[in-house]
C-alpha cells in the first residue's frame, strides 16, 4: 500500500500471521502521547512472553505522514477481543496525556488536524479497496468500555479508553466510505 511508509516494529516477525480476507473491522485510536517518537517507543516495548508488545498497524502523524508499523497479514495487539479480525490505526494526539487515568484530567482538548484526517481518509479508502471483507469501523472507546479506579482517587471510576475521543470528526471521516460504525464489542 503506497499510502504508508513501511517502518516495521522490531518484533513484527513474532506476531501471529493471519489471512487478510478475515479482516472486517478497523479500530481507530489516538496515541494519547505527545508525538510520534514517543508512540514509536511505546510500540517497541516488549510486554509479552512471546517477545511482542502493544501497537497498531498504522500510525498517522499530525502532518498526515502515515507509517506502517505492522503489516495487515500480522495480528497487532491494539484492542481487547478484536485483534484477530481487525486493523488498528493510531492517530498521534495527546488525548489525556500525561494523566490518562486521573479523574481531574479526563477532558481531551486536541483537535485532529486536516492533514491527519485527510491521510486517514486516504488510508481507509485504500484499505477498503485492498480488503474486500472490511465492513465496520469503531473507536477504541466503542469497544473497550471498562471503567477503572482513577489514579488520583480509587473511589472514582474513569474510562479505561476514550480514544479517539469527543473531538474526532466521525462524520467527515466516514463520508462516502463503505464502513459502518460499530458500537460495542459484538462481532
C-alpha atoms as a PDB file:
ATOM      1  CA  UNK A   1       0.000   0.000   0.000  1.00  0.00           C
ATOM      2  CA  UNK A   2       1.637   3.218  -1.148  1.00  0.00           C
ATOM      3  CA  UNK A   3      -0.229   5.482   1.288  1.00  0.00           C
ATOM      4  CA  UNK A   4       2.069   4.434   4.161  1.00  0.00           C
ATOM      5  CA  UNK A   5       5.801   4.323   4.681  1.00  0.00           C
ATOM      6  CA  UNK A   6       6.955   0.914   5.948  1.00  0.00           C
ATOM      7  CA  UNK A   7       8.521   1.217   9.404  1.00  0.00           C
ATOM      8  CA  UNK A   8       8.080  -2.255  10.917  1.00  0.00           C
ATOM      9  CA  UNK A   9       8.446  -2.808  14.622  1.00  0.00           C
ATOM     10  CA  UNK A  10      11.495  -4.851  15.653  1.00  0.00           C
ATOM     11  CA  UNK A  11       9.339  -7.796  16.761  1.00  0.00           C
ATOM     12  CA  UNK A  12       6.953  -7.821  13.795  1.00  0.00           C
ATOM     13  CA  UNK A  13       8.033 -11.313  12.684  1.00  0.00           C
ATOM     14  CA  UNK A  14       6.962 -12.690  16.077  1.00  0.00           C
ATOM     15  CA  UNK A  15       3.377 -11.507  15.638  1.00  0.00           C
ATOM     16  CA  UNK A  16       0.906 -14.203  14.601  1.00  0.00           C
ATOM     17  CA  UNK A  17       0.157 -14.393  10.879  1.00  0.00           C
ATOM     18  CA  UNK A  18      -3.408 -14.258   9.588  1.00  0.00           C
ATOM     19  CA  UNK A  19      -5.374 -14.313   6.375  1.00  0.00           C
ATOM     20  CA  UNK A  20      -6.263 -10.706   5.467  1.00  0.00           C
ATOM     21  CA  UNK A  21      -9.519 -11.996   3.964  1.00  0.00           C
ATOM     22  CA  UNK A  22     -10.834 -12.348   7.529  1.00  0.00           C
ATOM     23  CA  UNK A  23     -10.278  -8.684   8.399  1.00  0.00           C
ATOM     24  CA  UNK A  24     -13.650  -6.980   8.731  1.00  0.00           C
ATOM     25  CA  UNK A  25     -13.037  -4.172  11.247  1.00  0.00           C
ATOM     26  CA  UNK A  26     -10.908  -1.040  11.580  1.00  0.00           C
ATOM     27  CA  UNK A  27     -10.341   0.272  15.098  1.00  0.00           C
ATOM     28  CA  UNK A  28      -9.352   3.914  15.439  1.00  0.00           C
ATOM     29  CA  UNK A  29      -7.158   5.010  18.310  1.00  0.00           C
ATOM     30  CA  UNK A  30      -5.315   8.089  19.407  1.00  0.00           C
ATOM     31  CA  UNK A  31      -1.861   7.567  20.834  1.00  0.00           C
ATOM     32  CA  UNK A  32      -2.528   9.681  23.948  1.00  0.00           C
ATOM     33  CA  UNK A  33       1.136  10.629  23.739  1.00  0.00           C
ATOM     34  CA  UNK A  34       2.891  13.890  22.821  1.00  0.00           C
ATOM     35  CA  UNK A  35       4.432  12.857  19.486  1.00  0.00           C
ATOM     36  CA  UNK A  36       5.214  10.096  17.003  1.00  0.00           C
ATOM     37  CA  UNK A  37       8.659   9.416  18.510  1.00  0.00           C
ATOM     38  CA  UNK A  38       7.117   8.638  21.908  1.00  0.00           C
ATOM     39  CA  UNK A  39       4.437   6.488  20.264  1.00  0.00           C
ATOM     40  CA  UNK A  40       7.163   4.547  18.478  1.00  0.00           C
ATOM     41  CA  UNK A  41       8.999   3.989  21.773  1.00  0.00           C
ATOM     42  CA  UNK A  42       5.799   2.638  23.334  1.00  0.00           C
ATOM     43  CA  UNK A  43       5.197   0.393  20.321  1.00  0.00           C
ATOM     44  CA  UNK A  44       8.697  -1.077  20.551  1.00  0.00           C
ATOM     45  CA  UNK A  45       8.297  -2.082  24.213  1.00  0.00           C
ATOM     46  CA  UNK A  46       8.212  -5.835  24.683  1.00  0.00           C
ATOM     47  CA  UNK A  47       5.344  -6.649  27.026  1.00  0.00           C
ATOM     48  CA  UNK A  48       4.576 -10.300  26.371  1.00  0.00           C
ATOM     49  CA  UNK A  49       6.434 -13.586  26.804  1.00  0.00           C
ATOM     50  CA  UNK A  50       6.430 -14.122  23.025  1.00  0.00           C
ATOM     51  CA  UNK A  51       8.619 -11.026  22.616  1.00  0.00           C
ATOM     52  CA  UNK A  52       5.889  -8.694  21.288  1.00  0.00           C
ATOM     53  CA  UNK A  53       4.128  -5.592  22.585  1.00  0.00           C
ATOM     54  CA  UNK A  54       1.169  -3.291  22.002  1.00  0.00           C
ATOM     55  CA  UNK A  55       0.816  -1.308  18.790  1.00  0.00           C
ATOM     56  CA  UNK A  56      -1.423  -0.529  15.886  1.00  0.00           C
ATOM     57  CA  UNK A  57      -0.873  -1.441  12.257  1.00  0.00           C
ATOM     58  CA  UNK A  58      -0.719   2.165  11.056  1.00  0.00           C
ATOM     59  CA  UNK A  59       0.282   5.435  12.698  1.00  0.00           C
ATOM     60  CA  UNK A  60      -0.701   8.802  11.262  1.00  0.00           C
ATOM     61  CA  UNK A  61       1.195  11.866  12.447  1.00  0.00           C
ATOM     62  CA  UNK A  62      -0.392  15.287  12.779  1.00  0.00           C
ATOM     63  CA  UNK A  63       1.113  16.385   9.434  1.00  0.00           C
ATOM     64  CA  UNK A  64      -0.513  13.434   7.629  1.00  0.00           C
ATOM     65  CA  UNK A  65       2.593  11.271   7.270  1.00  0.00           C
ATOM     66  CA  UNK A  66       1.471   7.664   7.597  1.00  0.00           C
ATOM     67  CA  UNK A  67       3.611   4.759   8.790  1.00  0.00           C
ATOM     68  CA  UNK A  68       3.009   1.003   8.671  1.00  0.00           C
ATOM     69  CA  UNK A  69       4.333  -0.485  11.925  1.00  0.00           C
ATOM     70  CA  UNK A  70       2.722  -3.922  11.438  1.00  0.00           C
ATOM     71  CA  UNK A  71       1.674  -5.482   8.107  1.00  0.00           C
ATOM     72  CA  UNK A  72      -2.021  -6.351   7.838  1.00  0.00           C
ATOM     73  CA  UNK A  73      -1.024 -10.028   7.483  1.00  0.00           C
ATOM     74  CA  UNK A  74       0.007  -9.971  11.163  1.00  0.00           C
ATOM     75  CA  UNK A  75      -2.136  -9.591  14.276  1.00  0.00           C
ATOM     76  CA  UNK A  76      -1.217  -6.441  16.207  1.00  0.00           C
ATOM     77  CA  UNK A  77      -2.118  -6.019  19.888  1.00  0.00           C
ATOM     78  CA  UNK A  78      -4.288  -2.900  19.894  1.00  0.00           C
ATOM     79  CA  UNK A  79      -7.738  -3.704  21.321  1.00  0.00           C
ATOM     80  CA  UNK A  80      -9.103  -6.371  23.629  1.00  0.00           C
ATOM     81  CA  UNK A  81     -11.055  -9.168  21.964  1.00  0.00           C
ATOM     82  CA  UNK A  82     -10.921  -7.957  18.345  1.00  0.00           C
ATOM     83  CA  UNK A  83      -7.278  -8.146  17.280  1.00  0.00           C
ATOM     84  CA  UNK A  84      -7.620 -11.291  15.173  1.00  0.00           C
ATOM     85  CA  UNK A  85     -10.033  -9.702  12.703  1.00  0.00           C
ATOM     86  CA  UNK A  86      -9.169  -6.005  12.873  1.00  0.00           C
ATOM     87  CA  UNK A  87      -6.700  -3.353  11.807  1.00  0.00           C
ATOM     88  CA  UNK A  88      -5.589  -0.772  14.354  1.00  0.00           C
ATOM     89  CA  UNK A  89      -4.932   2.792  13.228  1.00  0.00           C
ATOM     90  CA  UNK A  90      -3.259   5.141  15.705  1.00  0.00           C
ATOM     91  CA  UNK A  91      -3.595   8.903  15.289  1.00  0.00           C
ATOM     92  CA  UNK A  92      -0.918  10.959  17.026  1.00  0.00           C
ATOM     93  CA  UNK A  93      -2.858  13.032  19.555  1.00  0.00           C
ATOM     94  CA  UNK A  94      -2.227  13.942  23.196  1.00  0.00           C
ATOM     95  CA  UNK A  95      -5.609  12.696  24.405  1.00  0.00           C
ATOM     96  CA  UNK A  96      -5.383  12.685  28.205  1.00  0.00           C
ATOM     97  CA  UNK A  97      -1.563  12.551  28.288  1.00  0.00           C
ATOM     98  CA  UNK A  98       0.211  12.504  30.722  1.00  0.00           C
ATOM     99  CA  UNK A  99      -2.579  11.959  33.288  1.00  0.00           C
ATOM    100  CA  UNK A 100      -4.524   9.232  31.487  1.00  0.00           C
ATOM    101  CA  UNK A 101      -6.464   7.927  34.470  1.00  0.00           C
ATOM    102  CA  UNK A 102      -6.514  10.982  36.757  1.00  0.00           C
ATOM    103  CA  UNK A 103     -10.172  11.904  37.299  1.00  0.00           C
ATOM    104  CA  UNK A 104      -9.281  15.616  37.130  1.00  0.00           C
ATOM    105  CA  UNK A 105      -7.762  15.268  33.639  1.00  0.00           C
ATOM    106  CA  UNK A 106     -10.296  13.384  31.530  1.00  0.00           C
ATOM    107  CA  UNK A 107     -11.066  16.144  29.036  1.00  0.00           C
ATOM    108  CA  UNK A 108      -9.461  15.645  25.636  1.00  0.00           C
ATOM    109  CA  UNK A 109      -8.755  19.040  24.054  1.00  0.00           C
ATOM    110  CA  UNK A 110      -6.557  18.398  20.995  1.00  0.00           C
ATOM    111  CA  UNK A 111      -8.402  18.531  17.693  1.00  0.00           C
ATOM    112  CA  UNK A 112      -7.376  16.367  14.740  1.00  0.00           C
ATOM    113  CA  UNK A 113      -5.647  18.475  12.035  1.00  0.00           C
ATOM    114  CA  UNK A 114      -6.987  18.459   8.481  1.00  0.00           C
ATOM    115  CA  UNK A 115      -3.801  16.844   7.132  1.00  0.00           C
ATOM    116  CA  UNK A 116      -4.182  13.959   9.586  1.00  0.00           C
ATOM    117  CA  UNK A 117      -7.875  13.462   8.822  1.00  0.00           C
ATOM    118  CA  UNK A 118      -7.224  13.600   5.059  1.00  0.00           C
ATOM    119  CA  UNK A 119      -4.453  10.997   5.420  1.00  0.00           C
ATOM    120  CA  UNK A 120      -6.775   8.790   7.471  1.00  0.00           C
ATOM    121  CA  UNK A 121      -9.466   9.002   4.798  1.00  0.00           C
ATOM    122  CA  UNK A 122      -6.921   8.088   2.113  1.00  0.00           C
ATOM    123  CA  UNK A 123      -5.703   5.123   4.166  1.00  0.00           C
ATOM    124  CA  UNK A 124      -9.253   3.923   4.854  1.00  0.00           C
ATOM    125  CA  UNK A 125     -10.106   4.181   1.149  1.00  0.00           C
ATOM    126  CA  UNK A 126      -7.005   2.139   0.254  1.00  0.00           C
ATOM    127  CA  UNK A 127      -7.834  -0.467   2.905  1.00  0.00           C
ATOM    128  CA  UNK A 128     -11.435  -0.780   1.694  1.00  0.00           C
ATOM    129  CA  UNK A 129     -10.101  -1.355  -1.824  1.00  0.00           C
ATOM    130  CA  UNK A 130      -7.489  -3.942  -0.829  1.00  0.00           C
ATOM    131  CA  UNK A 131      -9.525  -5.765   1.844  1.00  0.00           C
ATOM    132  CA  UNK A 132     -12.969  -6.640   0.440  1.00  0.00           C
ATOM    133  CA  UNK A 133     -14.155  -8.044   3.782  1.00  0.00           C
ATOM    134  CA  UNK A 134     -13.678  -4.721   5.542  1.00  0.00           C
ATOM    135  CA  UNK A 135     -17.155  -3.549   6.534  1.00  0.00           C
ATOM    136  CA  UNK A 136     -17.028  -1.979  10.005  1.00  0.00           C
ATOM    137  CA  UNK A 137     -15.175   0.752  11.894  1.00  0.00           C
ATOM    138  CA  UNK A 138     -15.098   1.569  15.592  1.00  0.00           C
ATOM    139  CA  UNK A 139     -13.294   3.782  18.014  1.00  0.00           C
ATOM    140  CA  UNK A 140     -11.314   2.133  20.788  1.00  0.00           C
ATOM    141  CA  UNK A 141     -13.805   3.760  23.155  1.00  0.00           C
ATOM    142  CA  UNK A 142     -16.653   1.926  21.383  1.00  0.00           C
ATOM    143  CA  UNK A 143     -15.119  -1.495  22.032  1.00  0.00           C
ATOM    144  CA  UNK A 144     -13.428  -1.101  25.429  1.00  0.00           C
ATOM    145  CA  UNK A 145     -15.964   0.454  27.771  1.00  0.00           C
ATOM    146  CA  UNK A 146     -14.373  -0.725  31.004  1.00  0.00           C
ATOM    147  CA  UNK A 147     -14.309   1.781  33.851  1.00  0.00           C
ATOM    148  CA  UNK A 148     -11.475   1.522  36.345  1.00  0.00           C
ATOM    149  CA  UNK A 149     -10.438   3.302  39.560  1.00  0.00           C
ATOM    150  CA  UNK A 150      -8.923   6.728  38.926  1.00  0.00           C
ATOM    151  CA  UNK A 151      -5.229   7.122  39.672  1.00  0.00           C
ATOM    152  CA  UNK A 152      -5.925  10.051  41.995  1.00  0.00           C
ATOM    153  CA  UNK A 153      -8.957   8.580  43.806  1.00  0.00           C
ATOM    154  CA  UNK A 154      -9.785   4.863  43.766  1.00  0.00           C
ATOM    155  CA  UNK A 155     -13.396   5.664  44.687  1.00  0.00           C
ATOM    156  CA  UNK A 156     -13.910   7.379  41.337  1.00  0.00           C
ATOM    157  CA  UNK A 157     -14.208   5.312  38.168  1.00  0.00           C
ATOM    158  CA  UNK A 158     -12.898   6.623  34.840  1.00  0.00           C
ATOM    159  CA  UNK A 159     -12.996   5.215  31.331  1.00  0.00           C
ATOM    160  CA  UNK A 160     -10.017   2.989  30.635  1.00  0.00           C
ATOM    161  CA  UNK A 161     -10.120   4.039  26.963  1.00  0.00           C
ATOM    162  CA  UNK A 162     -11.596   7.236  25.499  1.00  0.00           C
ATOM    163  CA  UNK A 163      -9.945   7.310  22.100  1.00  0.00           C
ATOM    164  CA  UNK A 164     -10.224   8.641  19.554  1.00  0.00           C
ATOM    165  CA  UNK A 165     -12.348  10.906  21.760  1.00  0.00           C
ATOM    166  CA  UNK A 166     -15.057  13.553  21.534  1.00  0.00           C
ATOM    167  CA  UNK A 167     -13.185  15.804  19.076  1.00  0.00           C
ATOM    168  CA  UNK A 168     -12.813  13.081  16.459  1.00  0.00           C
ATOM    169  CA  UNK A 169     -14.686  14.092  13.242  1.00  0.00           C
ATOM    170  CA  UNK A 170     -16.615  10.864  12.601  1.00  0.00           C
ATOM    171  CA  UNK A 171     -18.997  12.315  10.001  1.00  0.00           C
ATOM    172  CA  UNK A 172     -16.158  13.762   7.927  1.00  0.00           C
ATOM    173  CA  UNK A 173     -14.099  10.568   8.119  1.00  0.00           C
ATOM    174  CA  UNK A 174     -16.948   8.251   7.181  1.00  0.00           C
ATOM    175  CA  UNK A 175     -18.370  10.391   4.379  1.00  0.00           C
ATOM    176  CA  UNK A 176     -18.508   8.298   1.168  1.00  0.00           C
ATOM    177  CA  UNK A 177     -16.712   5.315   2.740  1.00  0.00           C
ATOM    178  CA  UNK A 178     -18.438   1.894   2.786  1.00  0.00           C
ATOM    179  CA  UNK A 179     -17.850   1.372   6.526  1.00  0.00           C
ATOM    180  CA  UNK A 180     -20.499   1.099   9.223  1.00  0.00           C
ATOM    181  CA  UNK A 181     -19.661   2.414  12.666  1.00  0.00           C
ATOM    182  CA  UNK A 182     -19.807  -0.277  15.326  1.00  0.00           C
ATOM    183  CA  UNK A 183     -20.716   0.490  18.932  1.00  0.00           C
ATOM    184  CA  UNK A 184     -19.869  -2.314  21.337  1.00  0.00           C
ATOM    185  CA  UNK A 185     -17.817  -5.477  21.127  1.00  0.00           C
ATOM    186  CA  UNK A 186     -20.265  -7.697  19.220  1.00  0.00           C
ATOM    187  CA  UNK A 187     -18.679  -9.365  16.218  1.00  0.00           C
END
